[in-house]
Structure formats: structure tokens, C-alpha cells
């Protein structure tokens, strides 16, 4: 009896296997589609500082597909570390985007095959070089004519303008009366000649000052000669050396 029950139980399984084999042999075929590989950055390289002459940057990347189909990509781009969709269905491996000097941008690419199968890539970043930024920060100013050394801060006043003398913390006793520890002026920067100039400026109280010198675009150091007038008469001349902290 048990043998009959076992045989009866196995019959549906055998019929099922036969049916499956027949379907594979006699049924319709199917096609395997290969997805794109995850995008790899070509330019700008991740973490790069990019110098530009205009207002745009070309984002480029690589990705392949074994089927040889044309690429389609969704490009996410912006100044947020989690960029939003900037342009969908890009039919290339490059896209030109607008940029601003001094800003940091983040971007990533999602590749799509002909059937909409998506391959997600990592997020990359780059910063647009701002020449004035090397001159922005905290400086120690040496003023040998007075025997003073004091600390100031500089701020960006524009693409070629530097606001100088916004800090007043002393490094040595009495330095709070140092030139830029008490006064604020604007240096105009020439990044072609690597120089700076400050025209004769009225600081009030009968005092005026003028300065010009050179800049180091690698270290941010500035070295210049100055003149101070008091009530229209030359009161002091000397040299300032600005060393970035």
C-alpha cells in the first residue's frame, strides 16, 4: 500500500519535470541585456581645483556596455554634497555645466541601458579656483621701522580686491597701534604681474597711507613698501612683510 502511495505522489513531480523540460526546449527564447558599468570620472578629477578662463566646465566620464549600445545618463550636479538631478537622458559621456569662481561642486552619474536598467556611480567634487583666496586669512605683519609684529586678518573684497587690516590682536606689546591693527584699507591685486597696490588713502585723524608691493600666489605672502602722512607731511616710510599663518 505504501509503495502505491509513493508512486502516486511521485507522478505529479515527474510530469512537472517533463513539462518544464519541454517548455525550455520548445518554448520562446529570452535575451540577456548587459547593464552599463558604473561611471568613472575623467574630468574634473575628484577633489581637483580647476582653473577656468570662462564660466563653464565640461564634466566627462567613462562607462561601457557589452552590447555596444549608445550611452544614456542622468547627471546630478550642484553645490550641495547630495546633488539633485541636473539633466536627464544625456546621450553622451560628457556634459557642460555653468560654474562660479570659488565654489565647490558635487556630481555623479547614473547610467541607463536600453531597457532602463540603471547603474549608479559615486559622487565626485571639484572646486573652481579663486586666485584671491590665497591672500585671504590671518597674517602676521612685520613692521621693522617701528619694531612691531602684529596680527591682522584679510577678507575678499572682490575678484581682485583684498580688504586688509580687519584684525587687532597683538603679537608683541604695543602692536595694537600698528598700521593695519588700527586702519582698514583695500589692496588691488594684479595676478598677471603678481603685485598689489593701495593708493593714497585717508584714514582719518590727519593720517594717510599708501602702499605697493609683490604677492606670492603659492604661499600668500605679501611684501610691500609704504608711506604714512600726518597732516600732509611724511611721518614714516618702511616695509611691511605679511606672512600667512
Protein backbone atom coordinates (compact mmCIF):
# COMPACT_ATOMS: atom_id res chain seq x y z
CA UNK A 1 0.00 0.00 0.00
CA UNK A 2 2.80 2.36 0.96
CA UNK A 3 4.53 1.63 -2.36
CA UNK A 4 1.38 2.60 -4.30
CA UNK A 5 1.08 5.83 -2.32
CA UNK A 6 4.73 6.70 -3.04
CA UNK A 7 4.31 6.07 -6.77
CA UNK A 8 1.14 8.16 -6.83
CA UNK A 9 2.95 11.00 -5.08
CA UNK A 10 5.89 10.97 -7.49
CA UNK A 11 3.82 11.04 -10.68
CA UNK A 12 2.96 14.78 -10.48
CA UNK A 13 6.67 15.62 -9.89
CA UNK A 14 7.75 13.58 -12.93
CA UNK A 15 5.08 15.16 -15.11
CA UNK A 16 6.19 18.60 -13.90
CA UNK A 17 9.83 17.96 -14.79
CA UNK A 18 8.81 16.70 -18.21
CA UNK A 19 6.65 19.76 -18.77
CA UNK A 20 9.49 22.13 -17.66
CA UNK A 21 12.00 20.44 -19.94
CA UNK A 22 9.59 20.66 -22.84
CA UNK A 23 8.95 24.33 -22.21
CA UNK A 24 12.68 25.09 -22.18
CA UNK A 25 13.19 23.14 -25.36
CA UNK A 26 10.10 24.12 -27.29
CA UNK A 27 9.11 27.43 -25.72
CA UNK A 28 10.13 31.00 -26.70
CA UNK A 29 13.70 32.33 -26.25
CA UNK A 30 14.79 35.19 -24.00
CA UNK A 31 17.53 37.84 -24.32
CA UNK A 32 20.09 38.89 -21.71
CA UNK A 33 20.80 42.64 -21.63
CA UNK A 34 24.07 43.86 -20.14
CA UNK A 35 23.93 46.95 -17.93
CA UNK A 36 26.47 49.78 -18.19
CA UNK A 37 29.45 49.73 -15.88
CA UNK A 38 29.50 52.28 -13.05
CA UNK A 39 30.73 55.62 -14.35
CA UNK A 40 34.39 56.51 -13.78
CA UNK A 41 35.38 60.16 -13.63
CA UNK A 42 37.62 61.55 -16.39
CA UNK A 43 37.49 65.27 -15.66
CA UNK A 44 37.49 67.23 -13.48
CA UNK A 45 39.22 64.69 -11.25
CA UNK A 46 37.68 64.10 -7.84
CA UNK A 47 38.82 66.74 -5.34
CA UNK A 48 40.55 68.82 -8.01
CA UNK A 49 40.91 72.60 -8.02
CA UNK A 50 40.07 73.74 -11.52
CA UNK A 51 41.31 76.91 -13.19
CA UNK A 52 38.93 78.27 -15.81
CA UNK A 53 39.01 81.08 -18.35
CA UNK A 54 35.25 81.26 -18.87
CA UNK A 55 32.14 80.36 -16.89
CA UNK A 56 31.66 76.67 -17.69
CA UNK A 57 33.28 73.30 -17.09
CA UNK A 58 32.89 70.09 -19.12
CA UNK A 59 32.08 67.08 -16.96
CA UNK A 60 33.38 63.89 -18.59
CA UNK A 61 33.23 60.26 -17.55
CA UNK A 62 33.58 56.75 -18.92
CA UNK A 63 31.20 53.78 -18.86
CA UNK A 64 30.92 50.72 -21.09
CA UNK A 65 28.26 48.25 -22.15
CA UNK A 66 28.98 44.79 -23.63
CA UNK A 67 26.06 45.18 -26.01
CA UNK A 68 27.65 48.26 -27.55
CA UNK A 69 24.52 50.37 -27.14
CA UNK A 70 24.68 54.17 -27.10
CA UNK A 71 25.06 55.69 -23.62
CA UNK A 72 22.25 57.38 -21.75
CA UNK A 73 22.90 59.07 -18.44
CA UNK A 74 21.17 61.06 -15.72
CA UNK A 75 23.58 63.69 -14.38
CA UNK A 76 23.27 65.01 -10.83
CA UNK A 77 25.12 68.27 -10.21
CA UNK A 78 25.24 71.23 -7.83
CA UNK A 79 26.87 72.84 -4.79
CA UNK A 80 25.09 70.54 -2.33
CA UNK A 81 27.09 67.43 -1.27
CA UNK A 82 23.96 65.49 -2.25
CA UNK A 83 23.35 66.97 -5.72
CA UNK A 84 19.94 66.87 -7.35
CA UNK A 85 19.17 65.79 -10.90
CA UNK A 86 20.59 68.41 -13.25
CA UNK A 87 19.87 66.83 -16.63
CA UNK A 88 18.22 63.53 -17.53
CA UNK A 89 18.83 61.27 -20.53
CA UNK A 90 22.15 62.74 -21.61
CA UNK A 91 23.10 60.90 -24.81
CA UNK A 92 26.86 61.25 -24.29
CA UNK A 93 29.66 60.76 -21.80
CA UNK A 94 30.10 64.50 -21.24
CA UNK A 95 28.03 67.48 -20.17
CA UNK A 96 28.97 71.18 -19.94
CA UNK A 97 27.75 72.93 -16.78
CA UNK A 98 27.90 76.56 -15.54
CA UNK A 99 30.23 77.30 -12.62
CA UNK A 100 31.26 80.22 -10.40
CA UNK A 101 34.77 81.08 -9.25
CA UNK A 102 35.43 79.95 -5.69
CA UNK A 103 32.54 77.47 -5.49
CA UNK A 104 32.77 73.74 -4.78
CA UNK A 105 30.60 71.43 -6.88
CA UNK A 106 29.43 67.84 -6.43
CA UNK A 107 28.23 65.49 -9.15
CA UNK A 108 27.51 61.89 -10.01
CA UNK A 109 26.17 59.95 -12.98
CA UNK A 110 23.55 57.23 -13.28
CA UNK A 111 23.92 55.18 -16.45
CA UNK A 112 20.86 53.61 -18.12
CA UNK A 113 20.70 50.85 -20.72
CA UNK A 114 18.09 50.49 -23.46
CA UNK A 115 15.69 48.78 -21.04
CA UNK A 116 16.06 51.32 -18.27
CA UNK A 117 18.38 49.21 -16.12
CA UNK A 118 20.31 51.73 -14.00
CA UNK A 119 23.92 51.66 -12.79
CA UNK A 120 24.69 54.16 -10.05
CA UNK A 121 28.07 55.85 -9.74
CA UNK A 122 29.88 57.54 -6.81
CA UNK A 123 29.74 61.25 -6.02
CA UNK A 124 32.72 63.40 -7.03
CA UNK A 125 33.64 67.00 -6.25
CA UNK A 126 35.80 69.81 -7.58
CA UNK A 127 36.43 73.46 -6.70
CA UNK A 128 36.76 76.37 -9.10
CA UNK A 129 40.00 78.18 -8.38
CA UNK A 130 39.64 81.69 -6.99
CA UNK A 131 43.03 83.48 -7.15
CA UNK A 132 42.17 85.94 -4.40
CA UNK A 133 41.57 83.09 -1.93
CA UNK A 134 45.31 82.50 -1.41
CA UNK A 135 45.51 86.02 0.06
CA UNK A 136 42.54 85.64 2.40
CA UNK A 137 43.15 84.68 6.01
CA UNK A 138 45.17 85.51 9.11
CA UNK A 139 48.57 87.15 8.76
CA UNK A 140 51.49 88.14 10.93
CA UNK A 141 52.69 91.57 9.84
CA UNK A 142 56.30 92.56 10.47
CA UNK A 143 56.92 96.30 10.54
CA UNK A 144 60.67 96.80 11.13
CA UNK A 145 60.51 100.60 11.08
CA UNK A 146 58.55 100.54 14.33
CA UNK A 147 59.90 97.24 15.60
CA UNK A 148 56.38 95.84 15.64
CA UNK A 149 54.92 92.49 14.72
CA UNK A 150 51.16 92.08 14.92
CA UNK A 151 48.26 90.01 13.63
CA UNK A 152 45.64 91.07 11.11
CA UNK A 153 43.01 89.34 9.00
CA UNK A 154 42.27 89.88 5.33
CA UNK A 155 38.96 89.40 3.57
CA UNK A 156 37.91 89.00 -0.04
CA UNK A 157 36.63 92.33 -1.34
CA UNK A 158 36.12 91.15 -4.91
CA UNK A 159 37.82 89.14 -7.63
CA UNK A 160 40.92 91.37 -7.42
CA UNK A 161 40.29 93.30 -4.20
CA UNK A 162 41.57 92.44 -0.72
CA UNK A 163 40.29 94.12 2.43
CA UNK A 164 43.30 94.47 4.73
CA UNK A 165 43.56 95.22 8.44
CA UNK A 166 40.37 93.86 9.98
CA UNK A 167 42.14 92.23 12.96
CA UNK A 168 43.59 93.87 16.05
CA UNK A 169 45.14 91.12 18.18
CA UNK A 170 48.73 91.84 19.25
CA UNK A 171 51.72 89.57 18.87
CA UNK A 172 54.03 91.95 20.71
CA UNK A 173 53.36 94.61 23.31
CA UNK A 174 52.20 97.91 21.86
CA UNK A 175 51.37 96.37 18.49
CA UNK A 176 47.72 97.34 18.76
CA UNK A 177 48.82 100.69 17.36
CA UNK A 178 50.40 99.06 14.31
CA UNK A 179 49.24 100.38 10.95
CA UNK A 180 46.83 97.61 9.93
CA UNK A 181 45.92 96.85 13.53
CA UNK A 182 44.19 100.24 13.60
CA UNK A 183 43.31 101.03 9.98
CA UNK A 184 41.45 99.24 7.20
CA UNK A 185 42.27 99.62 3.51
CA UNK A 186 41.88 97.88 0.17
CA UNK A 187 44.67 96.28 -1.83
CA UNK A 188 44.05 95.95 -5.56
CA UNK A 189 45.66 92.74 -6.83
CA UNK A 190 47.25 92.26 -10.25
CA UNK A 191 47.51 88.48 -10.78
CA UNK A 192 49.39 88.94 -14.05
CA UNK A 193 52.24 90.98 -12.57
CA UNK A 194 51.79 89.42 -9.08
CA UNK A 195 51.66 92.81 -7.43
CA UNK A 196 49.34 94.77 -5.16
CA UNK A 197 48.68 98.49 -4.86
CA UNK A 198 46.91 100.72 -2.37
CA UNK A 199 46.52 104.34 -3.48
CA UNK A 200 46.96 107.17 -1.02
CA UNK A 201 44.14 106.58 1.46
CA UNK A 202 42.74 108.88 4.15
CA UNK A 203 42.46 107.04 7.47
CA UNK A 204 41.13 109.98 9.44
CA UNK A 205 42.69 111.95 12.27
CA UNK A 206 45.03 113.62 9.80
CA UNK A 207 46.65 110.33 8.75
CA UNK A 208 47.03 108.99 5.23
CA UNK A 209 48.78 105.93 3.89
CA UNK A 210 49.96 104.42 0.64
CA UNK A 211 51.50 101.03 -0.13
CA UNK A 212 52.50 98.76 -3.01
CA UNK A 213 54.38 95.51 -3.29
CA UNK A 214 54.52 91.94 -4.55
CA UNK A 215 52.48 88.82 -3.83
CA UNK A 216 53.39 85.15 -3.76
CA UNK A 217 50.49 83.22 -5.28
CA UNK A 218 51.73 79.96 -3.77
CA UNK A 219 52.18 80.97 -0.11
CA UNK A 220 50.06 84.11 0.03
CA UNK A 221 52.96 86.18 1.36
CA UNK A 222 52.95 89.91 0.54
CA UNK A 223 55.92 92.28 0.80
CA UNK A 224 55.50 95.99 0.20
CA UNK A 225 56.80 99.49 0.82
CA UNK A 226 54.60 102.06 2.49
CA UNK A 227 54.43 105.76 3.30
CA UNK A 228 52.44 107.40 6.10
CA UNK A 229 51.49 111.06 6.08
CA UNK A 230 50.43 113.03 9.15
CA UNK A 231 48.60 116.27 8.40
CA UNK A 232 50.07 116.29 4.92
CA UNK A 233 53.68 115.66 5.91
CA UNK A 234 55.57 112.39 5.56
CA UNK A 235 55.64 110.81 9.01
CA UNK A 236 57.04 107.38 8.24
CA UNK A 237 58.28 105.13 5.45
CA UNK A 238 59.14 101.48 5.65
CA UNK A 239 58.40 97.91 4.63
CA UNK A 240 55.61 95.50 5.56
CA UNK A 241 56.04 91.75 5.33
CA UNK A 242 52.75 89.82 5.51
CA UNK A 243 53.23 86.14 6.37
CA UNK A 244 50.16 83.94 6.27
CA UNK A 245 49.57 81.93 9.45
